[in-house]
Protein backbone atom coordinates (compact mmCIF):
# COMPACT_ATOMS: atom_id res chain seq x y z
CA UNK A 1 70.49 55.21 -98.27
CA UNK A 2 66.74 55.10 -98.23
CA UNK A 3 64.53 52.29 -99.32
CA UNK A 4 65.29 48.65 -100.23
CA UNK A 5 68.68 47.77 -100.73
CA UNK A 6 68.19 46.68 -104.43
CA UNK A 7 66.48 50.14 -105.01
CA UNK A 8 69.83 51.62 -104.87
CA UNK A 9 70.94 53.47 -108.00
CA UNK A 10 74.48 55.40 -108.56
CA UNK A 11 74.59 58.84 -109.16
CA UNK A 12 76.23 59.00 -112.62
CA UNK A 13 78.75 61.58 -112.14
CA UNK A 14 79.71 60.34 -108.65
CA UNK A 15 80.44 56.53 -110.28
CA UNK A 16 82.25 58.08 -112.97
CA UNK A 17 84.73 60.15 -110.40
CA UNK A 18 85.18 56.63 -108.53
CA UNK A 19 85.91 54.81 -111.76
CA UNK A 20 88.70 57.81 -112.80
CA UNK A 21 90.08 57.29 -109.29
CA UNK A 22 90.62 53.67 -109.87
CA UNK A 23 92.21 54.33 -113.28
CA UNK A 24 94.45 56.95 -111.33
CA UNK A 25 95.59 54.47 -109.11
CA UNK A 26 97.30 52.40 -111.76
CA UNK A 27 99.81 55.39 -112.29
CA UNK A 28 103.29 54.90 -111.29
CA UNK A 29 103.89 58.28 -110.14
CA UNK A 30 104.41 58.52 -106.59
CA UNK A 31 102.06 61.70 -106.14
CA UNK A 32 99.35 60.60 -108.01
CA UNK A 33 99.13 57.47 -106.06
CA UNK A 34 99.27 59.58 -102.75
CA UNK A 35 96.70 61.82 -104.02
CA UNK A 36 94.39 58.85 -104.59
CA UNK A 37 95.12 57.37 -101.41
CA UNK A 38 94.10 60.69 -99.66
CA UNK A 39 90.80 60.57 -101.63
CA UNK A 40 90.22 57.16 -100.95
CA UNK A 41 90.40 57.83 -97.25
CA UNK A 42 88.02 60.80 -97.73
CA UNK A 43 85.42 58.56 -99.81
CA UNK A 44 85.60 55.71 -96.94
CA UNK A 45 83.89 58.29 -94.47
CA UNK A 46 80.69 57.98 -96.82
CA UNK A 47 79.06 54.59 -96.38
CA UNK A 48 77.57 54.52 -100.02
CA UNK A 49 81.21 54.49 -101.11
CA UNK A 50 80.84 50.61 -100.50
CA UNK A 51 77.74 50.78 -102.86
CA UNK A 52 79.84 52.16 -105.76
CA UNK A 53 82.91 50.03 -105.16
CA UNK A 54 80.41 46.82 -105.41
CA UNK A 55 78.59 48.18 -108.44
CA UNK A 56 81.92 48.75 -110.08
CA UNK A 57 82.79 45.08 -109.18
CA UNK A 58 79.58 43.53 -110.34
CA UNK A 59 77.97 45.46 -113.01
CA UNK A 60 80.70 47.62 -115.20
CA UNK A 61 81.60 44.55 -117.27
CA UNK A 62 83.00 46.93 -119.88
CA UNK A 63 85.48 48.26 -117.46
CA UNK A 64 88.98 46.85 -117.10
CA UNK A 65 89.35 43.60 -114.71
CA UNK A 66 92.24 45.17 -112.95
CA UNK A 67 90.03 48.41 -112.10
CA UNK A 68 87.08 46.14 -111.05
CA UNK A 69 89.17 43.80 -108.92
CA UNK A 70 90.80 46.83 -107.47
CA UNK A 71 87.27 48.08 -106.50
CA UNK A 72 86.67 44.75 -104.84
CA UNK A 73 90.04 44.87 -102.94
CA UNK A 74 89.08 48.61 -101.53
CA UNK A 75 85.52 47.20 -100.55
CA UNK A 76 87.45 44.21 -98.94
CA UNK A 77 89.29 46.68 -96.58
CA UNK A 78 86.34 49.00 -96.11
CA UNK A 79 84.29 45.71 -94.86
CA UNK A 80 87.37 44.97 -92.33
CA UNK A 81 87.37 48.45 -91.19
CA UNK A 82 83.66 49.76 -91.04
CA UNK A 83 81.14 46.59 -91.70
CA UNK A 84 79.97 46.91 -88.14
CA UNK A 85 79.06 50.72 -88.51
CA UNK A 86 77.28 50.35 -92.14
CA UNK A 87 73.52 50.72 -92.22
CA UNK A 88 71.63 47.51 -92.52
CA UNK A 89 70.62 48.40 -96.13
CA UNK A 90 73.90 49.10 -97.34
CA UNK A 91 75.32 46.08 -95.82
CA UNK A 92 72.29 43.89 -97.53
CA UNK A 93 73.11 45.69 -100.78
CA UNK A 94 76.97 44.65 -100.80
CA UNK A 95 75.88 40.86 -100.05
CA UNK A 96 73.61 40.78 -102.83
CA UNK A 97 75.56 42.29 -105.29
CA UNK A 98 78.40 40.34 -104.26
CA UNK A 99 76.73 37.22 -104.79
CA UNK A 100 75.73 38.17 -108.35
CA UNK A 101 79.09 38.63 -109.23
CA UNK A 102 80.34 35.15 -108.23
CA UNK A 103 79.90 33.55 -111.79
CA UNK A 104 81.78 36.20 -113.33
CA UNK A 105 83.73 35.30 -116.47
CA UNK A 106 86.92 36.56 -115.02
CA UNK A 107 88.72 34.39 -112.71
CA UNK A 108 90.27 37.47 -111.08
CA UNK A 109 86.72 38.84 -110.26
CA UNK A 110 85.44 35.40 -109.04
CA UNK A 111 88.56 35.26 -106.75
CA UNK A 112 87.89 38.98 -105.41
CA UNK A 113 84.26 37.93 -104.52
CA UNK A 114 85.30 35.24 -102.52
CA UNK A 115 87.50 37.02 -100.43
CA UNK A 116 84.98 39.83 -99.83
CA UNK A 117 82.37 36.94 -98.70
CA UNK A 118 84.62 35.70 -96.48
CA UNK A 119 85.85 38.70 -94.93
CA UNK A 120 82.16 39.65 -94.30
CA UNK A 121 81.69 36.39 -92.54
CA UNK A 122 84.82 36.85 -90.39
CA UNK A 123 83.52 40.04 -89.01
CA UNK A 124 79.67 39.28 -88.55
CA UNK A 125 79.62 35.40 -88.05
CA UNK A 126 78.21 32.98 -90.33
CA UNK A 127 74.90 33.03 -88.24
CA UNK A 128 74.28 36.68 -89.34
CA UNK A 129 74.25 35.31 -93.14
CA UNK A 130 72.26 32.02 -92.69
CA UNK A 131 71.44 32.01 -96.19
CA UNK A 132 75.00 32.21 -97.44
CA UNK A 133 75.75 28.55 -97.77
CA UNK A 134 72.69 27.24 -98.85
CA UNK A 135 73.15 29.94 -101.60
CA UNK A 136 76.63 28.85 -102.55
CA UNK A 137 75.85 24.89 -102.39
CA UNK A 138 72.50 25.58 -104.61
CA UNK A 139 74.95 27.29 -107.08
CA UNK A 140 77.25 24.11 -107.31
CA UNK A 141 73.98 22.24 -108.57
CA UNK A 142 73.74 24.14 -111.87
CA UNK A 143 75.91 23.49 -114.88
CA UNK A 144 77.75 26.97 -115.33
CA UNK A 145 81.30 26.01 -114.50
CA UNK A 146 82.06 29.62 -113.66
CA UNK A 147 79.20 29.79 -111.25
CA UNK A 148 80.55 26.40 -109.63
CA UNK A 149 84.03 27.54 -109.51
CA UNK A 150 83.07 31.01 -107.94
CA UNK A 151 80.74 29.20 -105.31
CA UNK A 152 83.49 26.89 -104.37
CA UNK A 153 86.52 29.02 -104.23
CA UNK A 154 84.03 31.17 -101.59
CA UNK A 155 83.28 27.98 -99.64
CA UNK A 156 87.13 27.13 -99.68
CA UNK A 157 88.00 30.57 -98.47
CA UNK A 158 85.07 30.44 -95.85
CA UNK A 159 86.52 26.77 -94.52
CA UNK A 160 89.90 28.12 -94.42
CA UNK A 161 88.98 31.22 -92.36
CA UNK A 162 86.17 30.35 -90.13
CA UNK A 163 85.69 26.66 -90.25
CA UNK A 164 85.35 26.86 -86.33
CA UNK A 165 81.85 28.85 -86.85
CA UNK A 166 80.70 26.15 -88.70
CA UNK A 167 78.55 23.49 -86.61
CA UNK A 168 77.97 19.84 -87.46
CA UNK A 169 74.13 19.97 -87.49
CA UNK A 170 73.34 23.33 -89.13
CA UNK A 171 76.25 23.67 -91.65
CA UNK A 172 78.43 20.53 -92.07
CA UNK A 173 75.76 17.75 -92.24
CA UNK A 174 75.06 19.34 -95.43
CA UNK A 175 78.43 20.97 -97.10
CA UNK A 176 80.61 18.02 -96.54
CA UNK A 177 78.42 15.46 -98.58
CA UNK A 178 78.07 18.12 -101.08
CA UNK A 179 82.28 18.63 -101.17
CA UNK A 180 82.73 14.83 -101.18
CA UNK A 181 80.50 14.57 -104.55
CA UNK A 182 82.63 17.13 -106.07
CA UNK A 183 85.81 14.94 -105.51
CA UNK A 184 84.44 13.19 -108.57
CA UNK A 185 84.12 16.47 -110.62
CA UNK A 186 85.57 16.41 -114.12
CA UNK A 187 87.24 19.82 -113.26
CA UNK A 188 90.58 19.35 -111.67
CA UNK A 189 90.25 22.86 -110.08
CA UNK A 190 87.10 21.97 -108.37
CA UNK A 191 88.31 18.58 -107.21
CA UNK A 192 90.89 20.63 -105.48
CA UNK A 193 88.99 23.12 -103.99
CA UNK A 194 86.51 20.51 -102.47
CA UNK A 195 89.29 18.55 -100.82
CA UNK A 196 91.10 21.57 -99.76
CA UNK A 197 87.79 22.80 -98.07
CA UNK A 198 87.56 19.35 -96.16
CA UNK A 199 90.99 19.78 -95.27
CA UNK A 200 90.59 23.17 -93.67
CA UNK A 201 87.68 21.77 -91.70
CA UNK A 202 89.85 18.85 -90.43
CA UNK A 203 92.27 21.32 -89.44
CA UNK A 204 90.21 22.39 -86.71
CA UNK A 205 87.46 20.07 -86.01
CA UNK A 206 87.50 16.24 -86.99
CA UNK A 207 83.88 15.13 -85.36
CA UNK A 208 81.80 16.22 -88.20
CA UNK A 209 83.85 13.24 -90.02
CA UNK A 210 83.58 10.69 -87.84
CA UNK A 211 80.21 9.19 -88.90
CA UNK A 212 81.21 9.07 -92.63
CA UNK A 213 84.77 8.65 -92.36
CA UNK A 214 84.86 5.08 -94.32
CA UNK A 215 82.92 6.91 -97.13
CA UNK A 216 85.47 9.73 -96.77
CA UNK A 217 88.37 7.37 -97.40
CA UNK A 218 86.98 5.70 -100.34
CA UNK A 219 86.70 9.12 -101.99
CA UNK A 220 90.10 9.90 -101.05
CA UNK A 221 91.98 6.67 -101.96
CA UNK A 222 89.88 7.27 -105.51
CA UNK A 223 92.10 10.24 -105.80
CA UNK A 224 95.42 8.19 -105.59
CA UNK A 225 96.02 8.26 -109.25
CA UNK A 226 94.60 11.88 -109.99
CA UNK A 227 96.79 13.53 -112.50
CA UNK A 228 96.32 17.20 -111.01
CA UNK A 229 99.37 18.44 -108.84
CA UNK A 230 96.93 20.51 -106.72
CA UNK A 231 94.81 17.56 -105.94
CA UNK A 232 97.75 15.15 -105.29
CA UNK A 233 99.09 17.90 -103.01
CA UNK A 234 95.87 18.51 -100.83
CA UNK A 235 95.43 14.71 -100.74
CA UNK A 236 98.95 14.18 -98.96
CA UNK A 237 97.58 16.88 -96.82
CA UNK A 238 94.44 14.95 -96.01
CA UNK A 239 96.29 11.82 -95.07
CA UNK A 240 98.82 13.72 -92.72
CA UNK A 241 95.93 15.20 -90.87
CA UNK A 242 93.98 12.20 -90.65
CA UNK A 243 97.29 10.13 -89.41
CA UNK A 244 96.81 12.81 -86.57
CA UNK A 245 93.13 12.35 -85.90
CA UNK A 246 91.96 8.98 -87.24
CA UNK A 247 95.07 6.61 -87.16
CA UNK A 248 92.67 3.68 -86.41
CA UNK A 249 90.80 4.20 -89.44
CA UNK A 250 93.85 4.20 -91.49
CA UNK A 251 95.57 1.42 -89.90
CA UNK A 252 94.72 -1.20 -92.39
CA UNK A 253 95.77 0.78 -95.36
CA UNK A 254 98.89 2.05 -94.08
CA UNK A 255 101.16 0.23 -95.96
CA UNK A 256 99.59 1.31 -99.19
CA UNK A 257 99.51 4.98 -97.83
CA UNK A 258 103.45 4.82 -97.21
CA UNK A 259 103.99 3.54 -100.75
CA UNK A 260 101.86 6.26 -102.03
CA UNK A 261 103.91 8.74 -100.06
CA UNK A 262 107.08 7.43 -101.12
CA UNK A 263 106.22 8.23 -104.56
CA UNK A 264 104.80 11.87 -103.91
CA UNK A 265 108.05 12.55 -101.86
CA UNK A 266 109.91 11.77 -105.32
CA UNK A 267 107.23 14.27 -107.29
CA UNK A 268 108.56 16.84 -109.46
CA UNK A 269 106.22 19.24 -108.34
CA UNK A 270 108.04 20.63 -104.95
CA UNK A 271 104.88 21.78 -103.25
CA UNK A 272 103.28 18.22 -103.51
CA UNK A 273 106.46 16.67 -102.34
CA UNK A 274 107.15 19.07 -99.29
CA UNK A 275 103.23 18.14 -98.37
CA UNK A 276 104.32 14.38 -98.81
CA UNK A 277 107.54 15.07 -96.24
CA UNK A 278 104.68 16.35 -93.56
CA UNK A 279 103.41 12.76 -93.45
CA UNK A 280 106.90 11.47 -92.62
CA UNK A 281 107.21 13.75 -89.91
CA UNK A 282 103.64 13.10 -88.50
CA UNK A 283 104.46 9.50 -88.66
CA UNK A 284 107.74 9.89 -86.67
CA UNK A 285 105.81 11.52 -83.75
CA UNK A 286 104.18 8.13 -83.10
CA UNK A 287 107.13 5.92 -82.29
CA UNK A 288 105.23 2.60 -82.07
CA UNK A 289 103.59 3.36 -85.18
CA UNK A 290 106.68 4.64 -87.03
CA UNK A 291 108.61 1.34 -86.24
CA UNK A 292 106.04 -0.69 -87.58
CA UNK A 293 104.94 1.19 -90.62
CA UNK A 294 108.54 2.24 -91.88
CA UNK A 295 110.84 -0.67 -91.05
CA UNK A 296 109.56 -2.66 -94.19
CA UNK A 297 110.28 0.38 -96.37
CA UNK A 298 113.68 1.57 -95.12
CA UNK A 299 115.48 0.30 -98.08
CA UNK A 300 113.05 2.31 -100.23
CA UNK A 301 113.06 5.44 -97.81
CA UNK A 302 116.75 5.69 -97.28
CA UNK A 303 117.77 6.61 -100.92
CA UNK A 304 114.97 9.45 -101.34
CA UNK A 305 116.03 10.55 -97.75
CA UNK A 306 119.72 10.84 -98.78
CA UNK A 307 118.90 12.51 -102.23
CA UNK A 308 116.74 15.20 -100.64
CA UNK A 309 119.33 15.94 -97.54
CA UNK A 310 122.10 16.82 -100.37
CA UNK A 311 122.73 20.52 -100.41
CA UNK A 312 122.19 22.13 -103.53
CA UNK A 313 124.46 24.71 -104.76
CA UNK A 314 121.71 27.35 -103.74
CA UNK A 315 121.65 25.86 -100.46
CA UNK A 316 125.22 26.56 -99.85
CA UNK A 317 125.14 30.04 -101.23
CA UNK A 318 122.58 31.07 -99.28
CA UNK A 319 124.29 29.26 -96.04
CA UNK A 320 127.19 31.31 -96.88
CA UNK A 321 125.47 34.53 -96.61
CA UNK A 322 123.09 33.59 -94.03
CA UNK A 323 125.34 31.76 -91.12
CA UNK A 324 126.80 33.93 -88.43
CA UNK A 325 130.09 32.16 -86.74
CA UNK A 326 129.32 33.94 -83.69
CA UNK A 327 125.60 32.83 -82.98
CA UNK A 328 126.36 29.57 -81.63
CA UNK A 329 125.44 30.39 -78.32
CA UNK A 330 122.34 32.24 -79.49
CA UNK A 331 118.95 30.47 -79.19
CA UNK A 332 117.14 29.70 -82.28
CA UNK A 333 114.03 32.07 -83.25
CA UNK A 334 110.85 30.92 -83.63
CA UNK A 335 111.04 31.59 -87.33
CA UNK A 336 114.09 29.28 -87.55
CA UNK A 337 112.19 26.23 -86.72
CA UNK A 338 109.19 26.27 -89.27
CA UNK A 339 106.14 25.03 -87.68
CA UNK A 340 104.00 22.09 -89.39
CA UNK A 341 100.64 23.09 -91.30
CA UNK A 342 98.43 21.21 -89.26
CA UNK A 343 100.30 22.45 -85.96
CA UNK A 344 100.72 26.11 -86.95
CA UNK A 345 96.76 27.01 -87.56
CA UNK A 346 94.69 27.47 -84.62
CA UNK A 347 90.90 28.31 -84.23
CA UNK A 348 91.88 31.75 -83.46
CA UNK A 349 90.57 34.05 -86.58
CA UNK A 350 93.49 35.87 -88.41
CA UNK A 351 92.75 38.70 -90.54
CA UNK A 352 93.54 37.72 -94.23
CA UNK A 353 95.95 40.02 -95.88
CA UNK A 354 96.03 39.16 -99.74
CA UNK A 355 97.62 39.93 -102.91
CA UNK A 356 95.80 38.54 -106.28
CA UNK A 357 98.19 36.88 -109.19
CA UNK A 358 97.71 37.24 -112.77
CA UNK A 359 95.64 34.13 -112.67
CA UNK A 360 93.00 35.24 -110.27
CA UNK A 361 94.37 33.47 -107.29
CA UNK A 362 94.75 35.04 -103.96
CA UNK A 363 98.20 34.62 -102.41
CA UNK A 364 97.97 34.81 -98.55
CA UNK A 365 100.22 37.76 -97.27
CA UNK A 366 99.59 37.69 -93.72
CA UNK A 367 102.55 38.95 -91.53
CA UNK A 368 103.14 36.80 -88.63
CA UNK A 369 106.63 38.29 -88.23
CA UNK A 370 108.52 35.41 -89.77
CA UNK A 371 111.18 36.57 -92.14
CA UNK A 372 111.68 33.49 -94.87
CA UNK A 373 113.36 35.67 -97.29
CA UNK A 374 116.40 33.99 -96.86
CA UNK A 375 115.86 30.62 -95.59
CA UNK A 376 113.03 28.68 -97.45
CA UNK A 377 111.57 25.59 -95.64
CA UNK A 378 112.73 22.76 -98.32
CA UNK A 379 112.74 19.09 -98.66
CA UNK A 380 115.94 19.01 -96.94
CA UNK A 381 114.93 20.67 -93.99
CA UNK A 382 112.13 18.41 -93.87
CA UNK A 383 113.88 15.39 -94.29
CA UNK A 384 116.61 16.44 -91.51
CA UNK A 385 113.71 17.27 -89.01
CA UNK A 386 112.28 13.74 -89.98
CA UNK A 387 115.59 12.17 -89.19
CA UNK A 388 115.76 13.78 -86.05
CA UNK A 389 112.41 12.40 -85.26
CA UNK A 390 113.30 9.09 -86.06
CA UNK A 391 116.52 8.90 -84.12
CA UNK A 392 114.66 10.16 -80.87
CA UNK A 393 112.20 7.17 -81.55
CA UNK A 394 115.15 4.66 -82.06
CA UNK A 395 113.86 3.50 -85.48
CA UNK A 396 116.78 1.06 -86.32
CA UNK A 397 119.35 3.55 -86.44
CA UNK A 398 121.98 0.96 -87.37
CA UNK A 399 120.07 0.31 -90.44
CA UNK A 400 119.56 3.99 -91.48
CA UNK A 401 123.30 4.48 -90.60
CA UNK A 402 124.53 1.52 -92.99
CA UNK A 403 122.08 2.32 -95.82
CA UNK A 404 122.86 5.78 -95.72
CA UNK A 405 126.71 5.23 -95.99
CA UNK A 406 126.14 3.16 -99.08
CA UNK A 407 123.83 5.51 -100.79
CA UNK A 408 126.23 8.42 -100.52
CA UNK A 409 128.80 6.36 -101.62
CA UNK A 410 126.75 6.49 -104.92
């Protein structure tokens, strides 16, 4: 490529060939798919192929959304494999064109743009794209909801993948207040994404919130009655993370938090209930606080505990097919003991492998070796782990057993 990045223009015949290749990739025929893959491998040897892909993603608005998003996913893989070897002019073109597509009217395209952006950040570092976060934050100031959602979605993905790259002075001092502002957004999606972003930061570094913890808690507690299920799930996650890192700040409100978690543990949305159960596990790891916080609430907690620990018909069916009566002497595998979310992630970057759902949301598909196809980590398992921790810290076991017997009778 010669000249400035913005001067690049596709050759019409070559552009049409790439579009046709994307269209053929949708064919159910195995041989056709094999031919498409071979051709893609050949095209990836040419740096300008990335320009064609981002052009299709960002400019060909009349092309089918599925083909545009596929172009973005292929571009993401090219970034992952080739970014360091691409000419600077091509890298700049990809960056600028990707940002231009962030306000696309289709959620699928906005989600694709977000994953391309975070993949670039992973591979070159946030310092090599200094204008990125200021640009995304300025997009949040507009009134275009598509632009706001696209920018916030990209920020959330960056925080999820690269929070350890964000420095308090250079990045977080501006970003966190902006995220807190969107806790009050009229859009439930923006509220959830903003809260999710802060949780991703809390997962790897807590210091940036130390000086504004009281303000942060005020914003959190204001979401207690939020009607959106994703907001409730993220709120449960926030409180659990803070239980680990800022217990002193939660102490005065711990009773109210326990009451809130009792409600969320019974939430009809299972994902929210599971997040609430993480709170009980975290609480049980601190024996002294656990005793003081839970003893007054045992009469409320025990019936919930018992209900959630009952085996469903599905549990029984799965166990019958899963259990090997001869493996009693074999130690449990790591994947048999599901890690808690706030212990599982580290500051080590993992390459994202993503699928996209019909709603345009990326589904994490990292292959970490776990085989969860037959044993899902569910409420019953979480409460079983909680009970083990509670017994270990001698939390009024006789009260537990007495109330449990009465509730089982019911």
